[in-house]
Amino acid sequence: MKRRLLFAFLAVLLFTLGNPFGALAGGLRESKVVFGGEFTLEEGEILEGDLVVFGGVAELKQGSSIKGNIAFFGGNLTCSGEVAGDIVGFGGEIALQPTAQVLGDVILFGSDYEEREGARVAGQIMRFESIRPFAAVYPFRIEVPNLDWLARSWMKWGGFFFRLFAWSALAILVGLLFPKPLERMANAVRDQVVIAGSVGLFSVVVVTVGIILLAVTLILIPVAFLGFILAVLGWFLGILAIGLETGRRLADLLKQSWSLPISAGVGTFILTLVLNSVSALVPCIGWIIPFSVGLIGFGAVVLTQFGIKEMTL
């Protein structure tokens, strides 16, 4: 059920953001999301916001410019223009041509990267290779597994990392579409973590009991279902808010300046990686830490009314 709701929410966001932006006065409006297919930023065109690419083919021609950041999930990215922000890649292939100018950082998670002579990256180039699942789960096991076990393991770990990338993609999309509400929820996590956790626990109990009582009366089942959907949505947004705060602290630690969508995407990836790893490595009680983190995020959502208002106590 959670997986279906996650993909449904992701699909709605993609549909909302996926409409092509037209050219206005020599530039493209705000941000651009490419879901499959091809995207080309022609010479002289300017994209004022961020570029997010999911499994497509994107090309920035010489003389083009992106004022924001690039988040890249699979596919191919060829850059011959200028990027004012960062490039964050998850898988796929990224090539910087001789005329490419990146004023921020290049952060790569398992992406194939090519930088031609003449290309310039003003910031840092950080590459994180794929984590070896066998060493992570069986650190003292040295025998080679049989092929059937190997196939099953890679399918399992492939799904594991797909979920991480899905969460990161969702965080970037929410950061692009609802930056202010997401920031308000992250601020609540930062400023009142104990209160947020307490409110989250209380809210979960109240919502659970309320949904059960509403569902008992058949006529109010639609209301119970709506309450369940809102609760799940609130839980997801709470995780993303904590992911944003994680990304902001990581940026401070690295002495970097990332935009809100990039901070949310990178922070959510690291957060969900840690939480899912804890659950996998400690199956009996490992759920306690992810559940506690979820309570804090859910409390922040409640305190800010889904990010509509700043938290006031």
Protein backbone atom coordinates (compact mmCIF):
# COMPACT_ATOMS: atom_id res chain seq x y z
CA MET A 1 0.00 0.00 0.00
CA LYS A 2 2.76 2.47 0.90
CA ARG A 3 4.61 1.68 -2.30
CA ARG A 4 1.50 2.27 -4.41
CA LEU A 5 0.77 5.56 -2.68
CA LEU A 6 4.38 6.68 -3.16
CA PHE A 7 4.29 6.02 -6.89
CA ALA A 8 0.83 7.61 -7.19
CA PHE A 9 2.04 10.78 -5.50
CA LEU A 10 5.19 10.80 -7.61
CA ALA A 11 3.08 10.41 -10.77
CA VAL A 12 0.90 13.38 -9.80
CA LEU A 13 3.96 15.54 -9.24
CA LEU A 14 5.49 14.44 -12.52
CA PHE A 15 2.25 15.22 -14.35
CA THR A 16 2.10 18.64 -12.72
CA LEU A 17 5.69 19.52 -13.52
CA GLY A 18 6.06 17.63 -16.76
CA ASN A 19 4.30 20.12 -19.04
CA PRO A 20 6.81 21.73 -21.36
CA PHE A 21 7.70 25.36 -20.71
CA GLY A 22 7.68 27.68 -23.69
CA ALA A 23 10.27 30.26 -24.59
CA LEU A 24 9.65 33.76 -23.30
CA ALA A 25 11.87 36.74 -24.18
CA GLY A 26 14.89 34.57 -24.90
CA GLY A 27 14.49 32.40 -21.78
CA LEU A 28 12.52 29.46 -20.46
CA ARG A 29 10.23 29.98 -17.49
CA GLU A 30 11.20 28.65 -14.07
CA SER A 31 12.17 24.96 -13.86
CA LYS A 32 11.98 22.08 -16.31
CA VAL A 33 11.30 18.39 -15.63
CA VAL A 34 12.05 15.81 -18.32
CA PHE A 35 10.52 12.37 -17.82
CA GLY A 36 11.97 10.19 -20.56
CA GLY A 37 12.22 11.57 -24.09
CA GLU A 38 14.64 14.26 -25.17
CA PHE A 39 15.32 17.84 -24.11
CA THR A 40 17.63 20.32 -25.83
CA LEU A 41 18.52 23.79 -24.61
CA GLU A 42 19.50 25.59 -27.78
CA GLU A 43 22.21 28.20 -28.22
CA GLY A 44 21.17 31.50 -26.66
CA GLU A 45 18.33 29.98 -24.59
CA ILE A 46 18.28 30.49 -20.83
CA LEU A 47 16.54 28.26 -18.28
CA GLU A 48 15.91 30.45 -15.25
CA GLY A 49 15.27 27.59 -12.81
CA ASP A 50 16.41 24.00 -12.28
CA LEU A 51 16.53 21.10 -14.73
CA VAL A 52 15.42 17.65 -13.51
CA VAL A 53 15.87 14.69 -15.88
CA PHE A 54 14.46 11.19 -15.32
CA GLY A 55 15.88 8.60 -17.71
CA GLY A 56 15.83 10.89 -20.71
CA VAL A 57 18.39 12.44 -23.04
CA ALA A 58 19.27 16.05 -22.30
CA GLU A 59 21.66 18.32 -24.17
CA LEU A 60 22.80 21.84 -23.39
CA LYS A 61 24.16 23.42 -26.56
CA GLN A 62 27.09 25.82 -26.59
CA GLY A 63 25.90 29.29 -25.62
CA SER A 64 22.93 28.03 -23.58
CA SER A 65 22.63 28.70 -19.86
CA ILE A 66 20.89 27.25 -16.81
CA LYS A 67 20.57 29.62 -13.87
CA GLY A 68 19.70 26.87 -11.39
CA ASN A 69 20.86 23.30 -10.81
CA ILE A 70 20.67 20.01 -12.69
CA ALA A 71 19.40 16.82 -11.04
CA PHE A 72 19.92 13.80 -13.28
CA PHE A 73 18.49 10.29 -12.82
CA GLY A 74 19.72 7.87 -15.47
CA GLY A 75 19.88 8.42 -19.24
CA ASN A 76 22.37 10.76 -20.91
CA LEU A 77 23.31 14.36 -20.21
CA THR A 78 25.60 16.28 -22.56
CA CYS A 79 26.57 19.77 -21.45
CA SER A 80 28.26 22.30 -23.72
CA GLY A 81 26.73 25.37 -22.06
CA GLU A 82 26.86 27.06 -18.68
CA VAL A 83 25.31 25.81 -15.42
CA ALA A 84 25.19 28.40 -12.64
CA GLY A 85 24.43 25.86 -9.92
CA ASP A 86 25.31 22.24 -9.17
CA ILE A 87 24.99 19.03 -11.17
CA VAL A 88 23.79 16.04 -9.14
CA GLY A 89 23.72 12.70 -10.96
CA PHE A 90 22.20 9.38 -9.94
CA GLY A 91 23.33 6.74 -12.44
CA GLY A 92 23.36 7.33 -16.19
CA GLU A 93 26.05 9.09 -18.21
CA ILE A 94 27.15 12.70 -17.89
CA ALA A 95 29.56 14.34 -20.34
CA LEU A 96 30.98 17.85 -20.08
CA GLN A 97 32.10 19.11 -23.48
CA PRO A 98 35.06 21.51 -24.00
CA THR A 99 32.83 24.60 -23.78
CA ALA A 100 30.97 23.47 -20.62
CA GLN A 101 31.09 25.77 -17.60
CA VAL A 102 29.76 24.55 -14.22
CA LEU A 103 29.93 27.25 -11.55
CA GLY A 104 28.89 24.93 -8.74
CA ASP A 105 29.77 21.36 -7.77
CA VAL A 106 29.40 18.08 -9.63
CA ILE A 107 28.07 15.36 -7.28
CA LEU A 108 27.77 11.87 -8.74
CA PHE A 109 26.21 8.71 -7.30
CA GLY A 110 27.26 5.83 -9.53
CA SER A 111 27.19 7.94 -12.72
CA ASP A 112 29.57 7.51 -15.65
CA TYR A 113 31.36 10.83 -15.97
CA GLU A 114 33.39 12.31 -18.80
CA GLU A 115 35.03 15.72 -18.73
CA ARG A 116 36.58 16.85 -21.99
CA GLU A 117 39.63 19.08 -22.07
CA GLY A 118 38.57 22.70 -21.78
CA ALA A 119 35.51 22.05 -19.60
CA ARG A 120 35.55 23.94 -16.31
CA VAL A 121 34.03 23.02 -12.94
CA ALA A 122 34.42 25.87 -10.46
CA GLY A 123 33.42 23.78 -7.45
CA GLN A 124 34.31 20.26 -6.39
CA ILE A 125 33.76 16.98 -8.19
CA MET A 126 32.50 14.38 -5.70
CA ARG A 127 31.99 10.81 -6.87
CA PHE A 128 30.30 8.15 -4.78
CA GLU A 129 30.55 4.68 -6.24
CA SER A 130 27.84 2.08 -5.76
CA ILE A 131 27.92 0.37 -2.37
CA ARG A 132 28.80 -3.31 -2.52
CA PRO A 133 25.82 -5.09 -1.00
CA PHE A 134 27.62 -8.33 -0.08
CA ALA A 135 30.30 -6.53 1.93
CA ALA A 136 27.66 -4.40 3.62
CA VAL A 137 25.45 -7.31 4.67
CA TYR A 138 28.02 -10.08 5.11
CA PRO A 139 31.30 -8.38 6.09
CA PHE A 140 33.02 -11.62 7.18
CA ARG A 141 31.75 -13.88 4.44
CA ILE A 142 34.30 -14.53 1.69
CA GLU A 143 32.93 -17.50 -0.27
CA VAL A 144 31.47 -16.79 -3.70
CA PRO A 145 27.69 -17.32 -3.74
CA ASN A 146 26.02 -19.46 -6.37
CA LEU A 147 24.54 -17.70 -9.40
CA ASP A 148 20.91 -18.15 -8.30
CA TRP A 149 21.61 -16.56 -4.93
CA LEU A 150 23.57 -13.81 -6.70
CA ALA A 151 20.66 -13.02 -9.01
CA ARG A 152 18.17 -12.91 -6.15
CA SER A 153 20.49 -10.68 -4.11
CA TRP A 154 21.03 -8.20 -6.91
CA MET A 155 17.29 -8.03 -7.52
CA LYS A 156 16.78 -7.31 -3.84
CA TRP A 157 19.47 -4.65 -3.72
CA GLY A 158 18.33 -3.19 -7.01
CA GLY A 159 14.90 -2.63 -5.49
CA PHE A 160 16.54 -1.21 -2.37
CA PHE A 161 18.45 1.46 -4.31
CA PHE A 162 15.49 2.13 -6.57
CA ARG A 163 13.49 3.10 -3.48
CA LEU A 164 16.30 5.42 -2.39
CA PHE A 165 16.36 7.09 -5.80
CA ALA A 166 12.54 7.35 -5.79
CA TRP A 167 12.62 9.13 -2.41
CA SER A 168 15.37 11.47 -3.67
CA ALA A 169 13.42 12.22 -6.83
CA LEU A 170 10.31 12.92 -4.79
CA ALA A 171 12.27 15.25 -2.50
CA ILE A 172 13.64 17.23 -5.46
CA LEU A 173 10.19 17.53 -7.05
CA VAL A 174 8.55 18.68 -3.83
CA GLY A 175 11.43 21.11 -3.31
CA LEU A 176 10.84 22.54 -6.77
CA LEU A 177 7.05 22.70 -6.52
CA PHE A 178 6.55 23.56 -2.83
CA PRO A 179 9.83 25.08 -1.57
CA LYS A 180 8.34 27.30 1.13
CA PRO A 181 6.10 24.65 2.79
CA LEU A 182 8.96 22.13 2.76
CA GLU A 183 11.30 24.69 4.28
CA ARG A 184 8.79 25.54 7.04
CA MET A 185 8.46 21.86 7.97
CA ALA A 186 12.25 21.45 7.98
CA ASN A 187 12.58 24.51 10.22
CA ALA A 188 10.15 22.93 12.68
CA VAL A 189 12.32 19.80 12.76
CA ARG A 190 15.42 21.90 13.33
CA ASP A 191 14.00 24.19 16.03
CA GLN A 192 11.72 21.86 18.04
CA VAL A 193 12.72 18.25 17.44
CA VAL A 194 11.47 16.99 20.85
CA ILE A 195 8.14 18.78 20.58
CA ALA A 196 7.75 17.60 16.99
CA GLY A 197 8.36 13.99 18.04
CA SER A 198 5.85 14.24 20.89
CA VAL A 199 3.21 15.83 18.67
CA GLY A 200 3.90 13.19 16.02
CA LEU A 201 3.36 10.33 18.47
CA PHE A 202 0.17 11.87 19.83
CA SER A 203 -1.12 12.58 16.31
CA VAL A 204 -0.45 9.03 15.13
CA VAL A 205 -2.47 7.63 18.05
CA VAL A 206 -5.33 10.08 17.49
CA VAL A 207 -5.40 9.54 13.72
CA THR A 208 -5.28 5.75 14.07
CA VAL A 209 -8.13 5.65 16.58
CA GLY A 210 -10.13 8.18 14.57
CA ILE A 211 -9.79 6.23 11.32
CA ILE A 212 -10.85 3.01 13.02
CA LEU A 213 -13.91 4.67 14.59
CA LEU A 214 -14.90 6.27 11.29
CA ALA A 215 -14.46 3.02 9.40
CA VAL A 216 -16.76 1.17 11.81
CA THR A 217 -19.68 3.30 10.63
CA LEU A 218 -20.00 2.31 6.98
CA ILE A 219 -21.34 5.69 5.90
CA LEU A 220 -18.13 7.41 7.02
CA ILE A 221 -15.72 5.03 5.28
CA PRO A 222 -14.92 7.65 2.57
CA VAL A 223 -13.97 10.10 5.33
CA ALA A 224 -11.78 7.44 6.97
CA PHE A 225 -10.10 6.73 3.64
CA LEU A 226 -9.46 10.45 3.09
CA GLY A 227 -8.00 10.69 6.58
CA PHE A 228 -5.73 7.74 5.83
CA ILE A 229 -4.52 9.35 2.58
CA LEU A 230 -3.76 12.62 4.38
CA ALA A 231 -1.92 10.77 7.14
CA VAL A 232 0.26 8.89 4.65
CA LEU A 233 0.91 12.10 2.72
CA GLY A 234 1.86 13.82 5.98
CA TRP A 235 4.22 10.97 6.87
CA PHE A 236 5.95 11.20 3.47
CA LEU A 237 6.28 14.99 3.70
CA GLY A 238 7.74 14.63 7.19
CA ILE A 239 10.47 12.33 5.89
CA LEU A 240 11.24 14.82 3.11
CA ALA A 241 11.41 17.67 5.64
CA ILE A 242 13.97 15.76 7.70
CA GLY A 243 15.79 14.95 4.46
CA LEU A 244 15.99 18.67 3.67
CA GLU A 245 17.39 19.40 7.12
CA THR A 246 19.90 16.57 6.66
CA GLY A 247 20.96 18.05 3.32
CA ARG A 248 21.33 21.53 4.79
CA ARG A 249 23.55 20.24 7.59
CA LEU A 250 25.62 18.22 5.15
CA ALA A 251 26.08 21.30 2.97
CA ASP A 252 27.20 23.29 6.03
CA LEU A 253 29.62 20.50 6.96
CA LEU A 254 31.11 20.51 3.47
CA LYS A 255 31.04 24.34 3.40
CA GLN A 256 28.84 24.28 0.31
CA SER A 257 25.83 26.32 -0.78
CA TRP A 258 23.16 24.08 -2.34
CA SER A 259 19.75 25.14 -3.54
CA LEU A 260 16.75 23.85 -1.61
CA PRO A 261 15.79 21.11 -4.13
CA ILE A 262 19.36 19.80 -4.28
CA SER A 263 19.70 19.85 -0.48
CA ALA A 264 16.39 17.99 -0.17
CA GLY A 265 17.37 15.38 -2.76
CA VAL A 266 20.85 14.65 -1.43
CA GLY A 267 19.74 14.77 2.22
CA THR A 268 16.77 12.48 1.60
CA PHE A 269 18.98 9.98 -0.23
CA ILE A 270 21.40 9.81 2.70
CA LEU A 271 18.60 9.75 5.28
CA THR A 272 16.67 6.92 3.62
CA LEU A 273 19.91 5.01 2.99
CA VAL A 274 20.75 5.10 6.69
CA LEU A 275 17.21 4.32 7.86
CA ASN A 276 16.72 1.43 5.44
CA SER A 277 20.16 0.05 6.27
CA VAL A 278 19.36 0.06 9.97
CA SER A 279 16.08 -1.75 9.32
CA ALA A 280 17.84 -4.35 7.15
CA LEU A 281 20.80 -4.99 9.44
CA VAL A 282 18.77 -5.12 12.68
CA PRO A 283 15.47 -6.73 11.61
CA CYS A 284 14.03 -7.23 15.10
CA ILE A 285 14.34 -3.75 16.58
CA GLY A 286 15.74 -1.82 13.63
CA TRP A 287 12.31 -0.39 12.88
CA ILE A 288 12.43 1.74 16.04
CA ILE A 289 14.83 4.35 14.64
CA PRO A 290 13.03 4.84 11.28
CA PHE A 291 9.68 4.98 13.10
CA SER A 292 11.01 7.56 15.56
CA VAL A 293 12.35 9.68 12.70
CA GLY A 294 8.98 9.38 10.98
CA LEU A 295 7.22 10.58 14.14
CA ILE A 296 9.42 13.69 14.27
CA GLY A 297 8.68 14.49 10.64
CA PHE A 298 4.96 13.83 11.04
CA GLY A 299 4.89 16.10 14.08
CA ALA A 300 6.57 18.86 12.09
CA VAL A 301 3.91 18.50 9.40
CA VAL A 302 1.14 18.77 11.99
CA LEU A 303 2.75 21.75 13.74
CA THR A 304 3.07 23.67 10.48
CA GLN A 305 -0.27 22.45 9.04
CA PHE A 306 1.42 20.78 6.06
CA GLY A 307 3.88 23.66 5.78
CA ILE A 308 1.20 26.31 5.35
CA LYS A 309 2.25 28.24 8.46
CA GLU A 310 5.44 28.73 10.41
CA MET A 311 5.50 26.81 13.66
CA THR A 312 4.51 29.02 16.60
CA LEU A 313 4.67 27.85 20.22
